Protein backbone atom coordinates (compact mmCIF):
# COMPACT_ATOMS: atom_id res chain seq x y z
CA ASP A 1 0.00 0.00 0.00
CA PRO A 2 1.80 3.18 -1.20
CA LEU A 3 -0.15 5.33 1.32
CA ALA A 4 1.08 3.20 4.24
CA ALA A 5 4.63 3.51 2.87
CA VAL A 6 4.33 7.32 2.85
CA ARG A 7 2.92 7.31 6.41
CA ALA A 8 5.84 5.15 7.57
CA LEU A 9 8.15 7.93 6.42
CA THR A 10 6.46 10.49 8.67
CA VAL A 11 6.73 10.71 12.42
CA ILE A 12 4.77 12.57 15.09
CA VAL A 13 6.94 14.90 17.17
CA LYS A 14 5.67 16.89 20.15
CA VAL A 15 7.23 20.27 20.81
CA TRP A 16 6.67 22.45 23.89
CA SER A 17 6.82 26.22 24.22
CA GLU A 18 8.08 28.26 27.19
CA ASP A 19 4.54 28.68 28.53
CA GLY A 20 4.11 24.90 28.91
CA ALA A 21 1.85 24.40 25.89
CA GLY A 22 2.62 21.49 23.56
CA LYS A 23 2.03 21.03 19.85
CA ALA A 24 2.13 17.70 17.99
CA VAL A 25 3.55 17.99 14.47
CA GLU A 26 3.72 15.31 11.80
CA ILE A 27 7.09 15.56 10.07
CA PRO A 28 8.99 13.59 7.40
CA ALA A 29 11.68 11.29 8.80
CA HIS A 30 14.44 13.24 7.05
CA MET A 31 13.47 16.64 8.51
CA THR A 32 16.25 18.63 10.16
CA ALA A 33 15.97 20.71 13.33
CA ARG A 34 16.17 23.92 11.30
CA ASP A 35 13.33 22.85 9.00
CA LEU A 36 11.13 21.97 11.95
CA CYS A 37 11.85 25.39 13.48
CA GLN A 38 10.87 27.04 10.17
CA LEU A 39 7.65 25.06 10.18
CA LEU A 40 6.85 26.08 13.78
CA VAL A 41 7.68 29.73 12.99
CA TYR A 42 5.22 29.53 10.10
CA LYS A 43 2.50 27.77 12.11
CA SER A 44 2.76 30.07 15.15
CA HIS A 45 3.13 33.27 13.07
CA CYS A 46 6.26 34.52 14.81
CA VAL A 47 9.00 36.60 13.21
CA ASP A 48 11.76 34.46 11.72
CA ASP A 49 15.16 35.93 12.59
CA ASN A 50 17.10 32.64 12.35
CA ALA A 51 17.49 32.50 16.13
CA TRP A 52 14.81 29.86 16.80
CA THR A 53 16.08 26.50 17.98
CA LEU A 54 14.90 23.12 19.11
CA VAL A 55 16.07 22.26 22.63
CA GLU A 56 16.52 18.69 23.86
CA HIS A 57 15.41 18.86 27.48
CA HIS A 58 15.92 16.01 29.98
CA HIS A 59 13.92 16.80 33.09
CA ALA A 60 15.05 13.89 35.31
CA LEU A 61 18.74 14.41 34.49
CA GLY A 62 18.48 18.21 34.67
CA LEU A 63 20.17 18.66 31.28
CA GLU A 64 19.45 20.48 28.05
CA ARG A 65 21.12 21.36 24.76
CA CYS A 66 20.19 23.12 21.54
CA LEU A 67 20.02 20.79 18.57
CA GLU A 68 22.31 21.76 15.70
CA ASP A 69 20.38 22.96 12.64
CA HIS A 70 21.46 20.00 10.50
CA GLU A 71 20.56 17.26 13.01
CA LEU A 72 17.70 14.92 12.11
CA VAL A 73 14.88 15.39 14.63
CA VAL A 74 13.69 11.77 14.38
CA GLN A 75 17.20 10.47 15.11
CA VAL A 76 17.52 12.63 18.23
CA GLN A 77 14.02 11.69 19.39
CA ALA A 78 14.94 7.98 19.17
CA SER A 79 17.71 8.50 21.75
CA MET A 80 15.49 10.40 24.22
CA SER A 81 13.79 8.92 27.30
CA SER A 82 10.06 9.16 28.02
CA ASP A 83 10.45 12.08 30.48
CA SER A 84 12.49 14.20 28.04
CA LYS A 85 11.02 16.58 25.48
CA PHE A 86 11.70 19.12 22.74
CA LEU A 87 11.32 22.83 23.56
CA PHE A 88 10.95 25.60 20.96
CA ARG A 89 13.03 28.56 22.06
CA LYS A 90 15.23 31.41 20.88
CA ASN A 91 18.99 31.10 21.07
CA TYR A 92 20.73 34.22 19.83
CA ALA A 93 24.18 32.86 20.77
CA LYS A 94 23.97 29.80 18.49
CA TYR A 95 26.50 31.14 15.94
CA GLU A 96 27.87 34.12 17.86
CA PHE A 97 31.38 32.57 17.86
CA PHE A 98 31.54 33.01 14.05
CA ARG A 99 30.94 36.74 14.53
CA ASN A 100 33.24 37.32 17.53
CA PRO A 101 35.62 34.33 17.78
CA LEU A 102 38.10 36.12 20.05
CA ASN A 103 35.46 36.53 22.79
CA PHE A 104 34.92 32.77 22.79
CA PHE A 105 38.46 31.42 22.75
CA PRO A 106 40.78 33.01 25.33
CA GLU A 107 44.37 32.81 24.07
CA GLN A 108 45.63 30.85 27.08
CA MET A 109 43.08 28.07 26.44
CA VAL A 110 43.92 27.46 22.78
CA ALA A 111 46.94 25.45 21.62
CA TRP A 112 47.97 24.09 18.22
CA CYS A 113 49.74 20.88 17.33
CA GLN A 114 53.56 20.84 17.40
CA GLU A 115 54.06 21.23 13.62
CA SER A 116 52.77 24.80 13.66
CA ASP A 117 55.18 25.99 16.41
CA GLY A 118 52.27 27.98 17.82
CA SER A 119 52.73 30.54 15.02
CA ILE A 120 49.11 30.48 13.81
CA PRO A 121 47.60 33.95 14.28
CA GLN A 122 44.39 34.35 16.27
CA SER A 123 42.56 35.51 13.13
CA GLN A 124 42.94 32.00 11.71
CA LEU A 125 41.46 30.46 14.81
CA LEU A 126 38.14 29.44 13.24
CA GLN A 127 39.73 28.14 10.03
CA ASN A 128 41.75 25.78 12.19
CA PHE A 129 38.65 24.43 13.90
CA LEU A 130 36.87 24.02 10.56
CA ASN A 131 39.81 22.53 8.66
CA SER A 132 39.81 18.84 9.50
CA SER A 133 43.53 18.44 8.78
CA SER A 134 44.60 20.97 11.44
CA CYS A 135 44.56 20.08 15.09
CA PRO A 136 43.55 22.87 17.44
CA GLU A 137 43.32 21.97 21.09
CA ILE A 138 41.58 23.49 24.08
CA GLN A 139 43.42 23.14 27.36
CA GLY A 140 42.85 24.10 30.98
CA TYR A 141 41.69 22.94 34.39
CA LEU A 142 38.22 21.47 34.87
CA HIS A 143 36.56 19.91 37.89
CA VAL A 144 35.36 16.38 37.10
CA LYS A 145 32.74 14.60 39.19
CA GLU A 146 33.94 11.20 40.35
CA PRO A 147 31.62 8.42 39.09
CA GLY A 148 29.05 7.34 41.68
CA ARG A 149 30.33 9.84 44.28
CA ARG A 150 29.55 13.41 45.32
CA SER A 151 33.20 14.48 45.23
CA TRP A 152 34.93 16.38 42.43
CA LYS A 153 38.53 16.25 41.23
CA LYS A 154 40.42 19.12 39.57
CA LEU A 155 42.28 17.87 36.49
CA TYR A 156 44.16 19.40 33.58
CA MET A 157 42.15 18.61 30.45
CA PHE A 158 42.75 18.63 26.69
CA LEU A 159 39.99 18.70 24.09
CA ARG A 160 41.00 17.40 20.65
CA ARG A 161 39.20 16.03 17.61
CA SER A 162 39.76 12.54 19.00
CA GLY A 163 38.14 13.31 22.35
CA LEU A 164 38.45 14.90 25.79
CA TYR A 165 41.53 13.77 27.74
CA TYR A 166 42.88 14.45 31.21
CA SER A 167 46.49 14.35 32.33
CA THR A 168 47.44 11.85 35.03
CA LYS A 169 50.56 13.93 35.78
CA GLY A 170 49.97 17.66 36.35
CA THR A 171 49.78 19.51 33.04
CA SER A 172 51.82 16.99 31.07
CA LYS A 173 50.51 16.22 27.60
CA GLU A 174 52.84 13.31 26.95
CA PRO A 175 50.81 10.46 25.41
CA ARG A 176 51.62 8.12 28.34
CA HIS A 177 50.06 10.62 30.79
CA LEU A 178 46.85 11.19 28.78
CA GLN A 179 43.66 9.33 29.67
CA LEU A 180 40.55 9.50 27.45
CA LEU A 181 37.52 10.75 29.38
CA SER A 182 35.06 10.93 26.47
CA ASP A 183 34.94 10.80 22.70
CA LEU A 184 33.06 13.38 20.63
CA GLU A 185 31.58 11.12 17.99
CA ASP A 186 28.89 9.37 20.05
CA SER A 187 28.37 12.05 22.70
CA ASN A 188 26.70 15.42 23.03
CA ILE A 189 27.48 18.35 25.30
CA PHE A 190 24.73 19.65 27.59
CA THR A 191 24.19 22.54 29.98
CA VAL A 192 23.30 21.42 33.50
CA ILE A 193 20.12 23.25 34.53
CA THR A 194 19.81 21.99 38.11
CA GLY A 195 21.46 23.99 40.88
CA ARG A 196 24.94 23.44 42.29
CA LYS A 197 23.62 21.74 45.43
CA LEU A 198 22.18 18.69 43.66
CA HIS A 199 25.58 17.63 42.32
CA ASN A 200 27.62 19.25 45.08
CA ALA A 201 29.31 21.21 42.26
CA PRO A 202 32.31 23.42 43.11
CA THR A 203 31.12 26.30 40.84
CA ASP A 204 27.96 27.45 39.03
CA TYR A 205 29.46 26.78 35.61
CA HIS A 206 28.79 23.11 35.18
CA PHE A 207 28.14 21.20 31.98
CA CYS A 208 27.95 17.58 31.01
CA ILE A 209 28.99 15.15 28.28
CA LYS A 210 26.29 12.57 27.68
CA PRO A 211 26.77 9.51 25.45
CA SER A 212 24.00 9.40 22.81
CA LYS A 213 22.96 5.89 23.87
CA VAL A 214 22.32 6.85 27.52
CA THR A 215 18.69 7.75 28.13
CA SER A 216 17.57 7.99 31.76
CA ASP A 217 20.41 6.36 33.70
CA GLY A 218 22.83 9.07 34.83
CA LYS A 219 25.76 6.73 35.58
CA GLU A 220 27.60 7.28 32.30
CA LEU A 221 27.29 11.06 32.35
CA LYS A 222 30.56 12.97 32.57
CA MET A 223 29.83 15.94 34.86
CA LEU A 224 32.29 18.83 34.48
CA CYS A 225 32.72 22.24 36.07
CA ALA A 226 34.57 25.30 34.76
CA GLU A 227 35.84 28.24 36.84
CA ASP A 228 33.81 30.91 35.02
CA GLU A 229 31.27 31.49 32.26
CA GLN A 230 33.87 32.34 29.61
CA SER A 231 35.81 29.10 30.00
CA ARG A 232 32.61 27.01 30.14
CA THR A 233 31.48 28.66 26.89
CA CYS A 234 34.92 28.00 25.37
CA TRP A 235 34.85 24.26 26.18
CA MET A 236 31.26 23.84 24.99
CA THR A 237 31.76 25.82 21.75
CA ALA A 238 34.99 23.97 20.93
CA PHE A 239 33.22 20.64 21.49
CA ARG A 240 30.54 21.61 18.93
CA LEU A 241 33.12 22.90 16.44
CA LEU A 242 35.40 19.87 16.70
CA LYS A 243 32.46 17.49 16.43
CA TYR A 244 30.58 19.11 13.54
CA GLY A 245 33.11 21.49 11.95
CA ILE A 246 32.13 22.78 8.53
CA LEU A 247 28.47 21.72 8.97
CA LEU A 248 28.05 24.49 11.56
CA TYR A 249 29.60 27.02 9.21
CA GLN A 250 27.26 25.98 6.40
CA SER A 251 24.22 26.29 8.69
CA TYR A 252 25.42 29.74 9.81
CA ASN A 253 25.92 30.84 6.20
CA VAL A 254 22.69 29.69 4.60
CA PRO A 255 19.85 30.75 6.92
CA GLN A 256 17.54 31.47 3.97
CA GLN A 257 18.02 28.06 2.39
CA ARG A 258 14.66 26.36 2.09
CA LYS A 259 14.52 22.58 1.85
CA SER A 260 12.20 21.14 -0.80
CA ASN A 261 10.39 18.97 1.75
CA LEU A 262 8.68 21.97 3.33
CA PRO A 263 5.33 23.31 2.18
CA PRO A 264 5.79 26.47 0.09
CA PHE A 265 5.42 29.36 2.50
CA SER A 266 7.12 32.60 3.25
CA ALA A 267 7.58 33.50 6.88
CA PRO A 268 8.10 37.22 7.51
CA VAL A 269 11.81 37.82 7.89
CA ARG A 270 12.69 40.80 10.02
CA SER A 271 15.67 41.49 12.16
CA ALA A 272 16.17 44.31 14.62
CA SER A 273 19.95 43.99 14.48
CA GLU A 274 22.23 47.00 14.51
CA ASN A 275 22.79 46.59 10.75
CA SER A 276 19.14 47.10 9.93
CA LEU A 277 18.51 50.01 12.31
CA VAL A 278 20.13 53.28 11.28
CA ALA A 279 19.51 56.89 12.27
CA MET A 280 17.56 58.65 9.53
CA ASP A 281 16.75 62.28 8.80
CA PHE A 282 13.36 62.79 7.13
CA SER A 283 13.28 66.59 7.31
CA GLY A 284 14.10 67.00 3.59
CA ARG A 285 12.25 65.62 0.61
CA THR A 286 14.00 62.28 0.80
CA GLY A 287 15.27 60.36 3.81
CA ARG A 288 19.01 60.36 4.46
CA VAL A 289 21.11 58.18 6.75
CA ILE A 290 22.82 60.17 9.51
CA GLU A 291 26.46 59.07 9.72
CA ASN A 292 27.66 61.45 12.46
CA PRO A 293 26.83 59.96 15.92
CA LEU A 294 26.46 63.42 17.52
CA GLU A 295 24.02 64.52 14.84
CA ALA A 296 22.15 61.21 15.25
CA GLN A 297 21.86 61.82 18.98
CA SER A 298 20.45 65.34 18.61
CA ALA A 299 18.07 64.12 15.87
CA ALA A 300 16.89 61.37 18.21
CA LEU A 301 16.31 63.88 21.03
CA GLU A 302 14.40 66.12 18.61
CA GLU A 303 12.34 63.11 17.55
CA GLY A 304 11.69 62.39 21.23
CA GLN A 305 10.38 65.95 21.65
CA SER A 306 8.16 65.64 18.56
CA TRP A 307 6.70 62.38 19.90
CA ARG A 308 5.73 64.32 23.02
CA LYS A 309 4.21 67.18 20.97
CA ARG A 310 2.35 64.64 18.85
CA SER A 311 0.90 62.99 21.96
CA GLN A 312 -0.10 66.40 23.40
CA ARG A 313 -1.81 67.24 20.10
CA MET A 314 -3.65 63.92 20.26
CA ASN A 315 -4.92 64.78 23.76
CA VAL A 316 -6.34 68.07 22.53
CA LEU A 317 -8.12 66.15 19.76
CA GLY A 318 -9.82 64.05 22.41
CA SER A 319 -7.98 60.73 22.07
CA PRO A 320 -6.86 58.89 25.24
CA SER A 321 -4.32 60.86 27.27
CA PRO A 322 -1.08 59.24 28.48
CA LEU A 323 -2.73 59.08 31.89
CA HIS A 324 -5.45 56.96 30.37
CA PRO A 325 -4.81 53.22 30.97
CA SER A 326 -4.88 52.36 27.24
CA SER A 327 -1.63 54.19 26.47
CA LEU A 328 -0.03 53.01 29.69
CA MET A 329 -0.85 49.40 28.78
CA ILE A 330 0.22 49.45 25.12
CA HIS A 331 3.57 47.73 25.91
CA ARG A 332 1.78 44.61 27.16
CA THR A 333 1.31 43.49 23.55
CA GLN A 334 5.06 43.55 22.84
CA ILE A 335 7.20 40.40 22.58
CA TRP A 336 9.87 41.95 24.85
CA PHE A 337 7.46 42.68 27.72
CA HIS A 338 7.16 39.93 30.32
CA GLY A 339 4.88 41.44 32.97
CA ARG A 340 5.43 40.43 36.56
CA VAL A 341 8.46 38.22 35.98
CA VAL A 342 10.80 38.23 38.98
CA ARG A 343 14.51 39.07 38.68
CA GLU A 344 15.63 35.41 38.98
CA ASP A 345 13.29 34.32 36.15
CA ALA A 346 14.44 37.25 33.99
CA HIS A 347 18.05 36.06 34.49
CA LYS A 348 17.08 32.52 33.57
CA MET A 349 15.36 33.61 30.35
CA ILE A 350 18.35 35.70 29.25
CA ILE A 351 20.75 32.80 29.95
CA GLN A 352 18.52 30.32 28.08
CA GLN A 353 18.28 32.54 25.01
CA GLY A 354 22.07 32.99 24.73
CA GLN A 355 23.99 35.68 26.57
CA VAL A 356 24.75 37.95 23.62
CA ASP A 357 25.24 41.71 23.83
CA GLY A 358 21.96 43.60 23.56
CA LEU A 359 19.61 40.75 24.52
CA PHE A 360 16.89 42.43 26.59
CA LEU A 361 13.44 42.28 28.15
CA LEU A 362 11.20 44.67 30.08
CA ARG A 363 9.19 43.71 33.14
CA ASP A 364 7.17 45.20 35.98
CA SER A 365 9.26 46.44 38.90
CA GLN A 366 8.90 44.36 42.08
CA SER A 367 9.86 47.22 44.38
CA ASN A 368 7.86 50.05 42.78
CA PRO A 369 4.39 49.20 41.40
CA LYS A 370 4.44 52.20 39.03
CA ALA A 371 7.91 51.52 37.62
CA PHE A 372 9.40 49.03 35.15
CA VAL A 373 12.77 47.32 34.81
CA LEU A 374 14.92 46.85 31.70
CA THR A 375 16.99 43.64 31.97
CA LEU A 376 19.93 43.74 29.55
CA CYS A 377 22.85 41.45 28.73
CA HIS A 378 26.32 42.89 28.03
CA HIS A 379 29.65 41.02 28.03
CA GLN A 380 27.90 37.90 29.40
CA LYS A 381 26.73 39.87 32.44
CA ILE A 382 23.07 40.66 33.13
CA LYS A 383 22.25 44.20 34.26
CA HIS A 384 19.00 45.81 35.43
CA PHE A 385 17.91 49.41 34.82
CA GLN A 386 14.88 50.98 36.45
CA ILE A 387 12.41 52.86 34.25
CA LEU A 388 10.60 55.45 36.34
CA PRO A 389 7.41 57.35 35.55
CA CYS A 390 7.64 61.15 35.78
CA GLU A 391 4.83 63.65 35.48
CA GLU A 392 4.95 66.93 33.57
CA ASP A 393 1.96 69.21 32.88
CA GLY A 394 -0.43 66.45 33.92
CA GLN A 395 1.20 63.94 31.55
CA VAL A 396 3.04 60.76 32.47
CA PHE A 397 6.40 60.04 30.82
CA PHE A 398 8.89 57.20 31.27
CA SER A 399 12.60 57.69 31.73
CA LEU A 400 15.73 55.58 32.26
CA ASP A 401 17.97 58.53 33.10
CA ASP A 402 16.13 60.52 35.79
CA GLY A 403 14.06 62.49 33.30
CA ALA A 404 16.87 63.62 30.95
CA THR A 405 15.27 61.63 28.09
CA LYS A 406 11.49 61.13 28.43
CA PHE A 407 9.09 58.94 26.48
CA THR A 408 5.30 58.84 26.32
CA ASP A 409 5.27 55.02 26.46
CA LEU A 410 7.60 52.04 26.72
CA ILE A 411 7.45 51.27 23.00
CA HIS A 412 8.97 54.69 22.22
CA LEU A 413 11.58 54.10 24.90
CA VAL A 414 12.61 50.73 23.43
CA GLU A 415 12.70 52.12 19.87
CA PHE A 416 14.93 54.98 21.02
CA TYR A 417 17.43 52.67 22.78
CA GLN A 418 17.51 50.33 19.77
CA LEU A 419 19.04 53.26 17.88
CA ASN A 420 20.90 55.04 20.68
CA ARG A 421 22.98 53.64 23.50
CA GLY A 422 22.35 56.56 25.83
CA LEU A 423 23.51 55.62 29.33
CA LEU A 424 23.21 51.88 28.58
CA PRO A 425 26.35 49.73 28.05
CA CYS A 426 25.07 48.78 24.55
CA LYS A 427 22.03 49.29 22.29
CA LEU A 428 18.95 47.09 22.67
CA LYS A 429 19.36 44.49 19.97
CA HIS A 430 17.57 41.17 20.54
CA PRO A 431 14.20 40.98 22.31
CA CYS A 432 13.96 38.08 24.76
CA THR A 433 10.85 36.33 23.42
CA ALA A 434 8.46 33.70 24.73
CA VAL A 435 6.31 32.23 21.96
CA ALA A 436 2.93 30.55 22.32
CA LEU A 437 2.75 27.56 19.98
């Protein structure tokens, strides 16, 4: 029966969103993680900015990882246990190392094989990871959890194409002192999402290498701990690069590539990156891009004033005043607004969606019921800025800088700081988004 043969080639996959809702999707057996994300973007009408990912989440083990775009969903699902599931989530940091490799690979952690005499410049760093004939190596101390015990051991480790090794004698990399801890081929690297206490971990920066065959039994997991976020990111990124190499680069380079197995559709593609947002002057007949940052700043302030005049004019015409709830509530429709989320949850969301510069969200203030908080990521640190209401001539405005720059609503405020840094450490770039499937 040809129909039965076609059905055999499709599989039901259930995907969950951040809000706990699940969606069952019938997909072809050869569908990749990226194609499934495209399908979900299309079905849930969200903006496609190539940051959506499928997350493999193991609740009982307290582990999760983002699937690589090229991985076959059905294959991954076959290795998952009954309590694990796929999540649909943003990850802005997925390919960030291609854009800023030097932030990801501290010089002291990267070594090359003897033939090169260490003369390879840092600019060639990525080529060496992607070129299968070269042999870059990540080195440094990691804490390793002893199998079946709650104690950890600090060892000097080396990550190579052939696997992760530790030295049995200090920092010696002589072959007789190297012991293989894990290979890359049949393993995946996961972030540990349970707290330090559960594993008695020495630091907060723990991660885990899990053999693909292991489902629910945690005995074969290799639990590791780095000293800080940067070195954890370095080990995890290098693992992905050494395992998949050029496939990651191809996925990074061809975000618009559509596979023929998808229904013909066009998802709206829009990105609020710095490249697509420029300061413009529309005072003449045609718009012109403002190159000079000082001119851009004064134009933005002028625009801020005209927004205020516009809103005052609207009040005279009898539309809702800024004191009226409708204009004070307008931000609640925005993807970056998360209501009464507490600080800890805001942190968690930023971490989950990839700690890239300019990743942000707005939320209600816990300490001041009339105020709001901007949570922003910069240099892998999460910072909070209070947005206070201020009143002038019976109108309510919002300000981040004690009234120096005022906005009639939070949407204007966000638009302004997407174009101007102001007192922030960087511009607002990537909205932290929760999607409803």
